[in-house]
Amino acid sequence: QVQLVESGGGLVQPGGSLRLSCAVSGIIFRINGMGWYRQASGKERDLVASITSSGGTTYADSVKGRFTIFRDNAKNTVYLQMNSLKPEDTAVYYCYSLGSGSWGQGTQVTVSS
């Protein structure tokens, strides 16, 4: 059974930083591409960043230069480092396994003063 468990969300002031983690089990993590998506209230779920099994990355234009996706295959974990956070980054962030099509439960990120 595939499980993706996100953590690291919370409330942060504009300009602050957060690091999200997604611990993965039930798949051969190192051969799977992974992604982070987000869904703001009343909006569609959109791709934020993705990383291939070999470490290639892609980013939404809105987060380029501020967010970094990276993975630790020894820990079966994918991360999203978020810097210079803005109020418009407020959303529920979801981890996604491209190979299995599985989602995590989501973690809330709120950027507000």
N, C-alpha and C. Protein backbone atom coordinates (compact mmCIF):
# COMPACT_ATOMS: atom_id res chain seq x y z
N GLN A 1 0.84 -1.19 0.00
CA GLN A 1 0.00 0.00 0.00
C GLN A 1 0.88 1.25 0.00
N VAL A 2 0.60 2.14 -0.95
CA VAL A 2 1.40 3.36 -1.06
C VAL A 2 0.91 4.37 -0.03
N GLN A 3 1.86 4.96 0.67
CA GLN A 3 1.53 6.02 1.63
C GLN A 3 2.47 7.20 1.42
N LEU A 4 1.89 8.40 1.40
CA LEU A 4 2.65 9.64 1.33
C LEU A 4 2.18 10.50 2.50
N VAL A 5 3.10 10.89 3.37
CA VAL A 5 2.75 11.64 4.56
C VAL A 5 3.52 12.95 4.58
N GLU A 6 2.77 14.06 4.41
CA GLU A 6 3.39 15.38 4.41
C GLU A 6 3.50 15.93 5.82
N SER A 7 4.47 16.80 6.01
CA SER A 7 4.61 17.53 7.27
C SER A 7 5.36 18.82 7.00
N GLY A 8 5.32 19.72 7.98
CA GLY A 8 6.10 20.95 7.88
C GLY A 8 5.31 22.20 7.58
N GLY A 9 4.02 22.07 7.36
CA GLY A 9 3.22 23.25 7.10
C GLY A 9 3.01 24.07 8.36
N GLY A 10 2.39 25.24 8.18
CA GLY A 10 2.13 26.09 9.33
C GLY A 10 1.87 27.52 8.92
N LEU A 11 1.90 28.39 9.91
CA LEU A 11 1.69 29.83 9.71
C LEU A 11 3.04 30.53 9.72
N VAL A 12 3.27 31.36 8.71
CA VAL A 12 4.54 32.08 8.60
C VAL A 12 4.26 33.48 8.08
N GLN A 13 5.08 34.43 8.49
CA GLN A 13 4.93 35.80 8.03
C GLN A 13 5.47 35.95 6.61
N PRO A 14 4.97 36.94 5.89
CA PRO A 14 5.53 37.19 4.55
C PRO A 14 7.03 37.40 4.62
N GLY A 15 7.73 36.81 3.64
CA GLY A 15 9.18 36.85 3.63
C GLY A 15 9.84 35.72 4.38
N GLY A 16 9.06 34.94 5.09
CA GLY A 16 9.60 33.83 5.86
C GLY A 16 9.82 32.57 5.03
N SER A 17 10.24 31.51 5.73
CA SER A 17 10.56 30.25 5.07
C SER A 17 9.90 29.08 5.78
N LEU A 18 9.63 28.05 5.01
CA LEU A 18 9.16 26.77 5.53
C LEU A 18 9.78 25.66 4.70
N ARG A 19 9.94 24.50 5.31
CA ARG A 19 10.37 23.32 4.56
C ARG A 19 9.32 22.24 4.75
N LEU A 20 8.74 21.80 3.65
CA LEU A 20 7.79 20.69 3.67
C LEU A 20 8.52 19.38 3.41
N SER A 21 8.04 18.33 4.07
CA SER A 21 8.59 16.99 3.87
C SER A 21 7.47 16.05 3.46
N CYS A 22 7.82 15.06 2.67
CA CYS A 22 6.86 14.03 2.28
C CYS A 22 7.57 12.68 2.38
N ALA A 23 7.18 11.92 3.39
CA ALA A 23 7.75 10.59 3.59
C ALA A 23 6.92 9.57 2.82
N VAL A 24 7.60 8.73 2.04
CA VAL A 24 6.93 7.83 1.11
C VAL A 24 7.22 6.38 1.47
N SER A 25 6.21 5.54 1.42
CA SER A 25 6.39 4.10 1.62
C SER A 25 5.50 3.35 0.64
N GLY A 26 5.84 2.07 0.41
CA GLY A 26 5.02 1.23 -0.45
C GLY A 26 5.38 1.24 -1.91
N ILE A 27 6.40 2.03 -2.29
CA ILE A 27 6.89 2.06 -3.67
C ILE A 27 8.42 2.04 -3.64
N ILE A 28 9.01 1.77 -4.81
CA ILE A 28 10.46 1.90 -4.91
C ILE A 28 10.74 3.36 -5.18
N PHE A 29 10.97 4.09 -4.09
CA PHE A 29 11.02 5.54 -4.14
C PHE A 29 12.03 6.05 -5.15
N ARG A 30 13.22 5.45 -5.20
CA ARG A 30 14.31 6.04 -5.97
C ARG A 30 14.04 6.05 -7.47
N ILE A 31 13.09 5.26 -7.95
CA ILE A 31 12.82 5.23 -9.40
C ILE A 31 11.57 6.02 -9.75
N ASN A 32 10.99 6.67 -8.74
CA ASN A 32 9.75 7.41 -8.97
C ASN A 32 9.97 8.92 -9.03
N GLY A 33 9.38 9.54 -10.05
CA GLY A 33 9.29 10.99 -10.04
C GLY A 33 8.29 11.43 -8.99
N MET A 34 8.53 12.60 -8.41
CA MET A 34 7.66 13.11 -7.34
C MET A 34 7.30 14.56 -7.63
N GLY A 35 6.17 14.98 -7.10
CA GLY A 35 5.75 16.36 -7.30
C GLY A 35 5.12 16.96 -6.07
N TRP A 36 5.14 18.26 -6.00
CA TRP A 36 4.40 19.03 -5.00
C TRP A 36 3.37 19.87 -5.74
N TYR A 37 2.13 19.78 -5.28
CA TYR A 37 1.03 20.58 -5.82
C TYR A 37 0.47 21.43 -4.69
N ARG A 38 -0.31 22.43 -5.06
CA ARG A 38 -1.01 23.21 -4.05
C ARG A 38 -2.39 23.59 -4.54
N GLN A 39 -3.27 23.77 -3.56
CA GLN A 39 -4.65 24.14 -3.88
C GLN A 39 -5.10 25.21 -2.91
N ALA A 40 -5.28 26.41 -3.43
CA ALA A 40 -5.80 27.50 -2.62
C ALA A 40 -7.32 27.38 -2.55
N SER A 41 -7.90 28.01 -1.56
CA SER A 41 -9.34 27.93 -1.34
C SER A 41 -10.10 28.41 -2.58
N GLY A 42 -10.98 27.58 -3.09
CA GLY A 42 -11.80 27.95 -4.23
C GLY A 42 -11.11 27.86 -5.58
N LYS A 43 -9.89 27.33 -5.59
CA LYS A 43 -9.14 27.24 -6.84
C LYS A 43 -8.77 25.80 -7.15
N GLU A 44 -8.26 25.58 -8.36
CA GLU A 44 -7.83 24.25 -8.77
C GLU A 44 -6.48 23.90 -8.15
N ARG A 45 -6.21 22.59 -8.13
CA ARG A 45 -4.92 22.12 -7.66
C ARG A 45 -3.89 22.28 -8.78
N ASP A 46 -2.80 22.95 -8.48
CA ASP A 46 -1.79 23.26 -9.49
C ASP A 46 -0.43 22.70 -9.11
N LEU A 47 0.36 22.36 -10.13
CA LEU A 47 1.71 21.87 -9.90
C LEU A 47 2.60 23.02 -9.43
N VAL A 48 3.36 22.77 -8.37
CA VAL A 48 4.32 23.74 -7.86
C VAL A 48 5.73 23.39 -8.34
N ALA A 49 6.09 22.12 -8.16
CA ALA A 49 7.44 21.67 -8.53
C ALA A 49 7.42 20.16 -8.68
N SER A 50 8.35 19.66 -9.51
CA SER A 50 8.49 18.22 -9.68
C SER A 50 9.96 17.86 -9.78
N ILE A 51 10.25 16.60 -9.47
CA ILE A 51 11.62 16.11 -9.54
C ILE A 51 11.60 14.69 -10.09
N THR A 52 12.50 14.43 -11.05
CA THR A 52 12.56 13.11 -11.65
C THR A 52 13.40 12.18 -10.77
N SER A 53 13.43 10.91 -11.16
CA SER A 53 14.23 9.94 -10.40
C SER A 53 15.72 10.29 -10.45
N SER A 54 16.14 10.98 -11.50
CA SER A 54 17.56 11.33 -11.64
C SER A 54 17.87 12.73 -11.11
N GLY A 55 16.85 13.40 -10.56
CA GLY A 55 17.08 14.69 -9.92
C GLY A 55 16.76 15.91 -10.77
N GLY A 56 16.27 15.73 -11.98
CA GLY A 56 15.85 16.86 -12.78
C GLY A 56 14.63 17.53 -12.20
N THR A 57 14.59 18.86 -12.23
CA THR A 57 13.51 19.59 -11.57
C THR A 57 12.80 20.54 -12.53
N THR A 58 11.53 20.78 -12.23
CA THR A 58 10.75 21.80 -12.91
C THR A 58 9.97 22.58 -11.86
N TYR A 59 9.66 23.84 -12.18
CA TYR A 59 8.97 24.73 -11.24
C TYR A 59 7.91 25.54 -11.96
N ALA A 60 6.85 25.84 -11.24
CA ALA A 60 5.89 26.81 -11.72
C ALA A 60 6.57 28.18 -11.76
N ASP A 61 6.19 29.00 -12.73
CA ASP A 61 6.81 30.31 -12.85
C ASP A 61 6.67 31.14 -11.58
N SER A 62 5.57 30.97 -10.89
CA SER A 62 5.28 31.79 -9.71
C SER A 62 6.22 31.49 -8.53
N VAL A 63 6.92 30.37 -8.57
CA VAL A 63 7.78 30.01 -7.43
C VAL A 63 9.25 29.91 -7.82
N LYS A 64 9.58 30.08 -9.09
CA LYS A 64 10.98 29.98 -9.53
C LYS A 64 11.85 30.98 -8.77
N GLY A 65 12.98 30.49 -8.31
CA GLY A 65 13.91 31.33 -7.56
C GLY A 65 13.60 31.43 -6.09
N ARG A 66 12.42 30.95 -5.67
CA ARG A 66 12.04 31.01 -4.25
C ARG A 66 11.91 29.62 -3.63
N PHE A 67 11.43 28.67 -4.42
CA PHE A 67 11.21 27.31 -3.92
C PHE A 67 12.24 26.36 -4.51
N THR A 68 12.59 25.33 -3.74
CA THR A 68 13.50 24.30 -4.21
C THR A 68 12.95 22.93 -3.82
N ILE A 69 12.82 22.05 -4.80
CA ILE A 69 12.42 20.68 -4.53
C ILE A 69 13.68 19.81 -4.56
N PHE A 70 13.79 18.90 -3.60
CA PHE A 70 14.92 17.99 -3.59
C PHE A 70 14.49 16.70 -2.89
N ARG A 71 15.28 15.66 -3.06
CA ARG A 71 14.90 14.36 -2.54
C ARG A 71 16.09 13.70 -1.86
N ASP A 72 15.76 12.84 -0.88
CA ASP A 72 16.75 12.02 -0.19
C ASP A 72 16.30 10.57 -0.36
N ASN A 73 16.91 9.88 -1.30
CA ASN A 73 16.48 8.51 -1.59
C ASN A 73 16.76 7.56 -0.43
N ALA A 74 17.76 7.86 0.38
CA ALA A 74 18.06 7.01 1.54
C ALA A 74 16.95 7.09 2.59
N LYS A 75 16.23 8.21 2.61
CA LYS A 75 15.15 8.40 3.58
C LYS A 75 13.77 8.28 2.95
N ASN A 76 13.72 7.96 1.65
CA ASN A 76 12.43 7.88 0.95
C ASN A 76 11.59 9.13 1.17
N THR A 77 12.23 10.28 1.06
CA THR A 77 11.57 11.54 1.37
C THR A 77 11.85 12.57 0.30
N VAL A 78 10.82 13.34 -0.04
CA VAL A 78 10.98 14.47 -0.94
C VAL A 78 10.64 15.74 -0.15
N TYR A 79 11.35 16.80 -0.44
CA TYR A 79 11.21 18.05 0.31
C TYR A 79 10.85 19.20 -0.62
N LEU A 80 10.27 20.23 -0.02
CA LEU A 80 10.04 21.48 -0.72
C LEU A 80 10.48 22.60 0.21
N GLN A 81 11.61 23.21 -0.12
CA GLN A 81 12.11 24.36 0.63
C GLN A 81 11.47 25.61 0.05
N MET A 82 10.77 26.35 0.88
CA MET A 82 10.05 27.54 0.43
C MET A 82 10.61 28.76 1.12
N ASN A 83 11.18 29.67 0.35
CA ASN A 83 11.74 30.91 0.88
C ASN A 83 10.98 32.11 0.32
N SER A 84 11.18 33.24 0.95
CA SER A 84 10.55 34.49 0.50
C SER A 84 9.05 34.28 0.27
N LEU A 85 8.40 33.70 1.23
CA LEU A 85 6.99 33.36 1.07
C LEU A 85 6.12 34.60 0.99
N LYS A 86 5.08 34.47 0.17
CA LYS A 86 4.14 35.57 -0.08
C LYS A 86 2.73 35.13 0.35
N PRO A 87 1.85 36.06 0.64
CA PRO A 87 0.47 35.68 0.99
C PRO A 87 -0.19 34.82 -0.09
N GLU A 88 0.16 35.03 -1.33
CA GLU A 88 -0.46 34.24 -2.41
C GLU A 88 0.05 32.80 -2.46
N ASP A 89 1.04 32.47 -1.63
CA ASP A 89 1.48 31.07 -1.51
C ASP A 89 0.60 30.28 -0.55
N THR A 90 -0.32 30.95 0.12
CA THR A 90 -1.22 30.28 1.05
C THR A 90 -2.07 29.24 0.31
N ALA A 91 -2.01 28.00 0.80
CA ALA A 91 -2.71 26.90 0.15
C ALA A 91 -2.49 25.63 0.96
N VAL A 92 -3.23 24.60 0.58
CA VAL A 92 -2.90 23.24 1.05
C VAL A 92 -1.92 22.66 0.04
N TYR A 93 -0.82 22.16 0.56
CA TYR A 93 0.23 21.59 -0.30
C TYR A 93 0.16 20.06 -0.23
N TYR A 94 0.20 19.46 -1.42
CA TYR A 94 0.07 18.01 -1.55
C TYR A 94 1.31 17.43 -2.22
N CYS A 95 1.71 16.28 -1.73
CA CYS A 95 2.78 15.50 -2.33
C CYS A 95 2.14 14.48 -3.29
N TYR A 96 2.81 14.21 -4.40
CA TYR A 96 2.27 13.31 -5.42
C TYR A 96 3.35 12.40 -5.96
N SER A 97 3.03 11.12 -6.07
CA SER A 97 3.93 10.14 -6.66
C SER A 97 3.52 9.90 -8.12
N LEU A 98 4.39 10.27 -9.05
CA LEU A 98 4.04 10.16 -10.47
C LEU A 98 3.87 8.71 -10.91
N GLY A 99 4.68 7.82 -10.38
CA GLY A 99 4.60 6.43 -10.82
C GLY A 99 3.35 5.71 -10.35
N SER A 100 2.94 5.98 -9.12
CA SER A 100 1.78 5.28 -8.55
C SER A 100 0.50 6.07 -8.67
N GLY A 101 0.60 7.38 -8.96
CA GLY A 101 -0.60 8.21 -9.01
C GLY A 101 -1.22 8.44 -7.65
N SER A 102 -0.41 8.36 -6.61
CA SER A 102 -0.92 8.50 -5.24
C SER A 102 -0.65 9.89 -4.70
N TRP A 103 -1.58 10.34 -3.82
CA TRP A 103 -1.49 11.65 -3.19
C TRP A 103 -1.33 11.51 -1.69
N GLY A 104 -0.67 12.50 -1.09
CA GLY A 104 -0.68 12.61 0.35
C GLY A 104 -1.94 13.30 0.82
N GLN A 105 -2.05 13.47 2.14
CA GLN A 105 -3.26 14.05 2.72
C GLN A 105 -3.25 15.57 2.69
N GLY A 106 -2.11 16.17 2.44
CA GLY A 106 -2.00 17.61 2.36
C GLY A 106 -1.56 18.24 3.67
N THR A 107 -0.90 19.38 3.56
CA THR A 107 -0.49 20.16 4.72
C THR A 107 -0.75 21.63 4.43
N GLN A 108 -1.33 22.32 5.41
CA GLN A 108 -1.72 23.71 5.20
C GLN A 108 -0.53 24.64 5.39
N VAL A 109 -0.36 25.54 4.45
CA VAL A 109 0.62 26.62 4.55
C VAL A 109 -0.14 27.94 4.49
N THR A 110 0.04 28.76 5.51
CA THR A 110 -0.62 30.06 5.57
C THR A 110 0.44 31.13 5.74
N VAL A 111 0.45 32.08 4.81
CA VAL A 111 1.41 33.18 4.85
C VAL A 111 0.64 34.46 5.16
N SER A 112 0.85 34.98 6.36
CA SER A 112 0.08 36.13 6.81
C SER A 112 0.81 36.83 7.93
N SER A 113 0.62 38.15 7.99
CA SER A 113 1.19 38.93 9.08
C SER A 113 0.16 39.10 10.20
